[in-house]
Amino acid sequence: MESLNTTLGELITSLYGEYISLYNDEEAAALATARTINALLADGTHDLEAEPPPRQESAA
Protein backbone atom coordinates (compact mmCIF):
# COMPACT_ATOMS: atom_id res chain seq x y z
CA MET A 1 0.00 0.00 0.00
CA GLU A 2 1.33 3.41 -0.95
CA SER A 3 1.54 6.07 1.74
CA LEU A 4 0.69 9.74 1.17
CA ASN A 5 1.97 12.62 3.25
CA THR A 6 -1.04 14.93 3.19
CA THR A 7 -2.26 17.06 6.05
CA LEU A 8 -5.90 17.19 7.03
CA GLY A 9 -6.00 20.83 5.97
CA GLU A 10 -4.66 19.98 2.52
CA LEU A 11 -7.23 17.20 2.15
CA ILE A 12 -10.08 19.50 3.18
CA THR A 13 -8.91 22.22 0.77
CA SER A 14 -8.62 19.75 -2.08
CA LEU A 15 -12.02 18.18 -1.44
CA TYR A 16 -13.68 21.57 -1.09
CA GLY A 17 -12.19 22.70 -4.40
CA GLU A 18 -13.43 19.58 -6.14
CA TYR A 19 -16.92 19.97 -4.66
CA ILE A 20 -17.03 23.67 -5.64
CA SER A 21 -16.27 22.62 -9.22
CA LEU A 22 -18.90 19.90 -9.06
CA TYR A 23 -21.74 21.82 -7.38
CA ASN A 24 -20.82 25.46 -8.14
CA ASP A 25 -22.28 26.28 -4.71
CA GLU A 26 -20.24 27.13 -1.61
CA GLU A 27 -22.75 25.81 0.91
CA ALA A 28 -23.23 22.50 -0.91
CA ALA A 29 -19.46 22.15 -1.27
CA ALA A 30 -18.92 22.80 2.44
CA LEU A 31 -21.56 20.25 3.42
CA ALA A 32 -20.19 17.63 1.03
CA THR A 33 -16.65 18.24 2.30
CA ALA A 34 -17.75 17.87 5.93
CA ARG A 35 -19.66 14.70 5.14
CA THR A 36 -16.69 13.20 3.30
CA ILE A 37 -14.21 14.06 6.06
CA ASN A 38 -16.56 12.66 8.72
CA ALA A 39 -16.94 9.43 6.76
CA LEU A 40 -13.17 9.10 6.31
CA LEU A 41 -12.53 9.73 10.00
CA ALA A 42 -15.21 7.24 11.03
CA ASP A 43 -13.85 4.59 8.67
CA GLY A 44 -10.33 5.19 9.94
CA THR A 45 -11.22 4.29 13.51
CA HIS A 46 -11.66 0.62 12.70
CA ASP A 47 -8.80 -1.85 12.61
CA LEU A 48 -9.67 -3.99 9.60
CA GLU A 49 -7.42 -6.83 10.75
CA ALA A 50 -8.87 -7.02 14.25
CA GLU A 51 -11.79 -9.22 15.13
CA PRO A 52 -15.10 -7.38 15.32
CA PRO A 53 -16.28 -6.45 18.81
CA PRO A 54 -18.72 -8.90 20.39
CA ARG A 55 -22.40 -8.15 19.84
CA GLN A 56 -24.14 -6.64 22.80
CA GLU A 57 -27.49 -8.08 23.72
CA SER A 58 -30.23 -5.45 23.79
CA ALA A 59 -32.13 -5.09 27.04
CA ALA A 60 -35.63 -6.37 26.48
PDB file of N, CA and C in Angstrom:
ATOM      1  N   MET A   1       0.848  -1.176   0.000  1.00  0.00           N
ATOM      2  CA  MET A   1       0.000   0.000   0.000  1.00  0.00           C
ATOM      3  C   MET A   1       0.894   1.239   0.000  1.00  0.00           C
ATOM      4  N   GLU A   2       0.560   2.172  -0.846  1.00  0.00           N
ATOM      5  CA  GLU A   2       1.332   3.406  -0.954  1.00  0.00           C
ATOM      6  C   GLU A   2       0.880   4.397   0.106  1.00  0.00           C
ATOM      7  N   SER A   3       1.832   5.103   0.693  1.00  0.00           N
ATOM      8  CA  SER A   3       1.535   6.072   1.741  1.00  0.00           C
ATOM      9  C   SER A   3       1.617   7.486   1.174  1.00  0.00           C
ATOM     10  N   LEU A   4       0.697   8.339   1.581  1.00  0.00           N
ATOM     11  CA  LEU A   4       0.693   9.738   1.172  1.00  0.00           C
ATOM     12  C   LEU A   4       0.960  10.609   2.382  1.00  0.00           C
ATOM     13  N   ASN A   5       1.694  11.665   2.177  1.00  0.00           N
ATOM     14  CA  ASN A   5       1.965  12.622   3.253  1.00  0.00           C
ATOM     15  C   ASN A   5       1.146  13.881   2.999  1.00  0.00           C
ATOM     16  N   THR A   6      -0.110  13.823   3.377  1.00  0.00           N
ATOM     17  CA  THR A   6      -1.037  14.928   3.188  1.00  0.00           C
ATOM     18  C   THR A   6      -1.607  15.319   4.535  1.00  0.00           C
ATOM     19  N   THR A   7      -1.660  16.612   4.798  1.00  0.00           N
ATOM     20  CA  THR A   7      -2.256  17.060   6.051  1.00  0.00           C
ATOM     21  C   THR A   7      -3.774  17.079   5.919  1.00  0.00           C
ATOM     22  N   LEU A   8      -4.440  17.115   7.034  1.00  0.00           N
ATOM     23  CA  LEU A   8      -5.896  17.185   7.025  1.00  0.00           C
ATOM     24  C   LEU A   8      -6.359  18.478   6.351  1.00  0.00           C
ATOM     25  N   GLY A   9      -5.657  19.545   6.596  1.00  0.00           N
ATOM     26  CA  GLY A   9      -5.998  20.828   5.967  1.00  0.00           C
ATOM     27  C   GLY A   9      -5.881  20.780   4.453  1.00  0.00           C
ATOM     28  N   GLU A  10      -4.825  20.119   3.963  1.00  0.00           N
ATOM     29  CA  GLU A  10      -4.658  19.977   2.518  1.00  0.00           C
ATOM     30  C   GLU A  10      -5.772  19.127   1.918  1.00  0.00           C
ATOM     31  N   LEU A  11      -6.153  18.071   2.623  1.00  0.00           N
ATOM     32  CA  LEU A  11      -7.229  17.205   2.153  1.00  0.00           C
ATOM     33  C   LEU A  11      -8.552  17.967   2.095  1.00  0.00           C
ATOM     34  N   ILE A  12      -8.843  18.715   3.143  1.00  0.00           N
ATOM     35  CA  ILE A  12     -10.081  19.499   3.178  1.00  0.00           C
ATOM     36  C   ILE A  12     -10.099  20.518   2.041  1.00  0.00           C
ATOM     37  N   THR A  13      -9.003  21.214   1.839  1.00  0.00           N
ATOM     38  CA  THR A  13      -8.914  22.216   0.775  1.00  0.00           C
ATOM     39  C   THR A  13      -9.113  21.584  -0.595  1.00  0.00           C
ATOM     40  N   SER A  14      -8.488  20.446  -0.802  1.00  0.00           N
ATOM     41  CA  SER A  14      -8.619  19.752  -2.081  1.00  0.00           C
ATOM     42  C   SER A  14     -10.049  19.270  -2.322  1.00  0.00           C
ATOM     43  N   LEU A  15     -10.640  18.647  -1.304  1.00  0.00           N
ATOM     44  CA  LEU A  15     -12.016  18.177  -1.443  1.00  0.00           C
ATOM     45  C   LEU A  15     -12.969  19.337  -1.695  1.00  0.00           C
ATOM     46  N   TYR A  16     -12.799  20.410  -0.939  1.00  0.00           N
ATOM     47  CA  TYR A  16     -13.677  21.571  -1.092  1.00  0.00           C
ATOM     48  C   TYR A  16     -13.581  22.126  -2.513  1.00  0.00           C
ATOM     49  N   GLY A  17     -12.376  22.213  -3.031  1.00  0.00           N
ATOM     50  CA  GLY A  17     -12.188  22.701  -4.398  1.00  0.00           C
ATOM     51  C   GLY A  17     -12.877  21.816  -5.427  1.00  0.00           C
ATOM     52  N   GLU A  18     -12.767  20.511  -5.230  1.00  0.00           N
ATOM     53  CA  GLU A  18     -13.432  19.579  -6.142  1.00  0.00           C
ATOM     54  C   GLU A  18     -14.951  19.710  -6.053  1.00  0.00           C
ATOM     55  N   TYR A  19     -15.474  19.835  -4.830  1.00  0.00           N
ATOM     56  CA  TYR A  19     -16.918  19.968  -4.662  1.00  0.00           C
ATOM     57  C   TYR A  19     -17.434  21.315  -5.177  1.00  0.00           C
ATOM     58  N   ILE A  20     -16.647  22.371  -5.063  1.00  0.00           N
ATOM     59  CA  ILE A  20     -17.032  23.669  -5.643  1.00  0.00           C
ATOM     60  C   ILE A  20     -17.173  23.512  -7.148  1.00  0.00           C
ATOM     61  N   SER A  21     -16.201  22.838  -7.764  1.00  0.00           N
ATOM     62  CA  SER A  21     -16.269  22.621  -9.215  1.00  0.00           C
ATOM     63  C   SER A  21     -17.475  21.780  -9.600  1.00  0.00           C
ATOM     64  N   LEU A  22     -17.796  20.804  -8.767  1.00  0.00           N
ATOM     65  CA  LEU A  22     -18.896  19.902  -9.059  1.00  0.00           C
ATOM     66  C   LEU A  22     -20.257  20.571  -8.868  1.00  0.00           C
ATOM     67  N   TYR A  23     -20.435  21.248  -7.725  1.00  0.00           N
ATOM     68  CA  TYR A  23     -21.736  21.815  -7.377  1.00  0.00           C
ATOM     69  C   TYR A  23     -21.906  23.292  -7.734  1.00  0.00           C
ATOM     70  N   ASN A  24     -20.784  24.011  -7.883  1.00  0.00           N
ATOM     71  CA  ASN A  24     -20.816  25.456  -8.138  1.00  0.00           C
ATOM     72  C   ASN A  24     -21.653  26.181  -7.083  1.00  0.00           C
ATOM     73  N   ASP A  25     -21.518  25.712  -5.824  1.00  0.00           N
ATOM     74  CA  ASP A  25     -22.280  26.279  -4.706  1.00  0.00           C
ATOM     75  C   ASP A  25     -21.444  26.090  -3.444  1.00  0.00           C
ATOM     76  N   GLU A  26     -21.115  27.198  -2.774  1.00  0.00           N
ATOM     77  CA  GLU A  26     -20.237  27.133  -1.608  1.00  0.00           C
ATOM     78  C   GLU A  26     -20.840  26.334  -0.459  1.00  0.00           C
ATOM     79  N   GLU A  27     -22.120  26.523  -0.198  1.00  0.00           N
ATOM     80  CA  GLU A  27     -22.750  25.813   0.913  1.00  0.00           C
ATOM     81  C   GLU A  27     -22.809  24.303   0.651  1.00  0.00           C
ATOM     82  N   ALA A  28     -23.179  23.924  -0.563  1.00  0.00           N
ATOM     83  CA  ALA A  28     -23.228  22.500  -0.913  1.00  0.00           C
ATOM     84  C   ALA A  28     -21.830  21.885  -0.852  1.00  0.00           C
ATOM     85  N   ALA A  29     -20.833  22.636  -1.306  1.00  0.00           N
ATOM     86  CA  ALA A  29     -19.462  22.147  -1.272  1.00  0.00           C
ATOM     87  C   ALA A  29     -18.980  21.964   0.168  1.00  0.00           C
ATOM     88  N   ALA A  30     -19.322  22.905   1.036  1.00  0.00           N
ATOM     89  CA  ALA A  30     -18.921  22.802   2.443  1.00  0.00           C
ATOM     90  C   ALA A  30     -19.577  21.597   3.113  1.00  0.00           C
ATOM     91  N   LEU A  31     -20.854  21.389   2.841  1.00  0.00           N
ATOM     92  CA  LEU A  31     -21.559  20.249   3.421  1.00  0.00           C
ATOM     93  C   LEU A  31     -20.999  18.924   2.896  1.00  0.00           C
ATOM     94  N   ALA A  32     -20.736  18.856   1.608  1.00  0.00           N
ATOM     95  CA  ALA A  32     -20.186  17.633   1.027  1.00  0.00           C
ATOM     96  C   ALA A  32     -18.789  17.353   1.568  1.00  0.00           C
ATOM     97  N   THR A  33     -17.993  18.405   1.748  1.00  0.00           N
ATOM     98  CA  THR A  33     -16.654  18.243   2.305  1.00  0.00           C
ATOM     99  C   THR A  33     -16.729  17.719   3.733  1.00  0.00           C
ATOM    100  N   ALA A  34     -17.592  18.318   4.539  1.00  0.00           N
ATOM    101  CA  ALA A  34     -17.747  17.875   5.929  1.00  0.00           C
ATOM    102  C   ALA A  34     -18.209  16.426   5.986  1.00  0.00           C
ATOM    103  N   ARG A  35     -19.152  16.075   5.151  1.00  0.00           N
ATOM    104  CA  ARG A  35     -19.663  14.697   5.140  1.00  0.00           C
ATOM    105  C   ARG A  35     -18.563  13.712   4.740  1.00  0.00           C
ATOM    106  N   THR A  36     -17.776  14.070   3.745  1.00  0.00           N
ATOM    107  CA  THR A  36     -16.690  13.196   3.298  1.00  0.00           C
ATOM    108  C   THR A  36     -15.633  13.028   4.376  1.00  0.00           C
ATOM    109  N   ILE A  37     -15.222  14.121   5.001  1.00  0.00           N
ATOM    110  CA  ILE A  37     -14.205  14.056   6.059  1.00  0.00           C
ATOM    111  C   ILE A  37     -14.728  13.227   7.232  1.00  0.00           C
ATOM    112  N   ASN A  38     -15.975  13.447   7.623  1.00  0.00           N
ATOM    113  CA  ASN A  38     -16.558  12.663   8.721  1.00  0.00           C
ATOM    114  C   ASN A  38     -16.567  11.183   8.390  1.00  0.00           C
ATOM    115  N   ALA A  39     -16.917  10.835   7.165  1.00  0.00           N
ATOM    116  CA  ALA A  39     -16.940   9.432   6.758  1.00  0.00           C
ATOM    117  C   ALA A  39     -15.534   8.836   6.774  1.00  0.00           C
ATOM    118  N   LEU A  40     -14.554   9.588   6.299  1.00  0.00           N
ATOM    119  CA  LEU A  40     -13.174   9.100   6.310  1.00  0.00           C
ATOM    120  C   LEU A  40     -12.663   8.906   7.730  1.00  0.00           C
ATOM    121  N   LEU A  41     -12.973   9.846   8.606  1.00  0.00           N
ATOM    122  CA  LEU A  41     -12.533   9.727   9.996  1.00  0.00           C
ATOM    123  C   LEU A  41     -13.214   8.547  10.686  1.00  0.00           C
ATOM    124  N   ALA A  42     -14.485   8.354  10.424  1.00  0.00           N
ATOM    125  CA  ALA A  42     -15.206   7.237  11.030  1.00  0.00           C
ATOM    126  C   ALA A  42     -14.659   5.910  10.522  1.00  0.00           C
ATOM    127  N   ASP A  43     -14.391   5.822   9.237  1.00  0.00           N
ATOM    128  CA  ASP A  43     -13.853   4.591   8.672  1.00  0.00           C
ATOM    129  C   ASP A  43     -12.441   4.317   9.176  1.00  0.00           C
ATOM    130  N   GLY A  44     -11.705   5.348   9.485  1.00  0.00           N
ATOM    131  CA  GLY A  44     -10.331   5.189   9.941  1.00  0.00           C
ATOM    132  C   GLY A  44     -10.197   4.737  11.376  1.00  0.00           C
ATOM    133  N   THR A  45     -11.299   4.691  12.107  1.00  0.00           N
ATOM    134  CA  THR A  45     -11.218   4.289  13.509  1.00  0.00           C
ATOM    135  C   THR A  45     -11.283   2.786  13.684  1.00  0.00           C
ATOM    136  N   HIS A  46     -11.529   2.064  12.607  1.00  0.00           N
ATOM    137  CA  HIS A  46     -11.661   0.620  12.696  1.00  0.00           C
ATOM    138  C   HIS A  46     -10.382  -0.065  12.235  1.00  0.00           C
ATOM    139  N   ASP A  47      -9.948  -1.042  12.997  1.00  0.00           N
ATOM    140  CA  ASP A  47      -8.801  -1.850  12.608  1.00  0.00           C
ATOM    141  C   ASP A  47      -9.342  -3.010  11.786  1.00  0.00           C
ATOM    142  N   LEU A  48      -9.085  -2.994  10.489  1.00  0.00           N
ATOM    143  CA  LEU A  48      -9.667  -3.990   9.598  1.00  0.00           C
ATOM    144  C   LEU A  48      -9.144  -5.397   9.857  1.00  0.00           C
ATOM    145  N   GLU A  49      -7.987  -5.513  10.491  1.00  0.00           N
ATOM    146  CA  GLU A  49      -7.418  -6.829  10.753  1.00  0.00           C
ATOM    147  C   GLU A  49      -7.869  -7.390  12.095  1.00  0.00           C
ATOM    148  N   ALA A  50      -8.433  -6.568  12.933  1.00  0.00           N
ATOM    149  CA  ALA A  50      -8.873  -7.025  14.252  1.00  0.00           C
ATOM    150  C   ALA A  50     -10.225  -7.717  14.139  1.00  0.00           C
ATOM    151  N   GLU A  51     -10.487  -8.569  15.102  1.00  0.00           N
ATOM    152  CA  GLU A  51     -11.795  -9.220  15.133  1.00  0.00           C
ATOM    153  C   GLU A  51     -12.846  -8.185  15.499  1.00  0.00           C
ATOM    154  N   PRO A  52     -14.053  -8.337  14.958  1.00  0.00           N
ATOM    155  CA  PRO A  52     -15.101  -7.380  15.317  1.00  0.00           C
ATOM    156  C   PRO A  52     -15.456  -7.496  16.796  1.00  0.00           C
ATOM    157  N   PRO A  53     -15.905  -6.399  17.399  1.00  0.00           N
ATOM    158  CA  PRO A  53     -16.280  -6.455  18.813  1.00  0.00           C
ATOM    159  C   PRO A  53     -17.473  -7.386  18.993  1.00  0.00           C
ATOM    160  N   PRO A  54     -17.572  -8.001  20.158  1.00  0.00           N
ATOM    161  CA  PRO A  54     -18.720  -8.899  20.385  1.00  0.00           C
ATOM    162  C   PRO A  54     -20.028  -8.119  20.359  1.00  0.00           C
ATOM    163  N   ARG A  55     -21.076  -8.788  19.891  1.00  0.00           N
ATOM    164  CA  ARG A  55     -22.395  -8.154  19.844  1.00  0.00           C
ATOM    165  C   ARG A  55     -22.938  -8.014  21.243  1.00  0.00           C
ATOM    166  N   GLN A  56     -23.530  -6.869  21.509  1.00  0.00           N
ATOM    167  CA  GLN A  56     -24.141  -6.640  22.803  1.00  0.00           C
ATOM    168  C   GLN A  56     -25.621  -6.979  22.706  1.00  0.00           C
ATOM    169  N   GLU A  57     -26.086  -7.712  23.665  1.00  0.00           N
ATOM    170  CA  GLU A  57     -27.494  -8.081  23.723  1.00  0.00           C
ATOM    171  C   GLU A  57     -28.290  -6.839  24.114  1.00  0.00           C
ATOM    172  N   SER A  58     -29.385  -6.592  23.429  1.00  0.00           N
ATOM    173  CA  SER A  58     -30.231  -5.450  23.788  1.00  0.00           C
ATOM    174  C   SER A  58     -31.094  -5.827  24.986  1.00  0.00           C
ATOM    175  N   ALA A  59     -31.295  -4.858  25.853  1.00  0.00           N
ATOM    176  CA  ALA A  59     -32.131  -5.085  27.040  1.00  0.00           C
ATOM    177  C   ALA A  59     -33.589  -5.139  26.603  1.00  0.00           C
ATOM    178  N   ALA A  60     -34.241  -6.229  26.913  1.00  0.00           N
ATOM    179  CA  ALA A  60     -35.634  -6.375  26.482  1.00  0.00           C
ATOM    180  C   ALA A  60     -36.585  -6.198  27.649  1.00  0.00           C
TER     181      ALA A  60
END
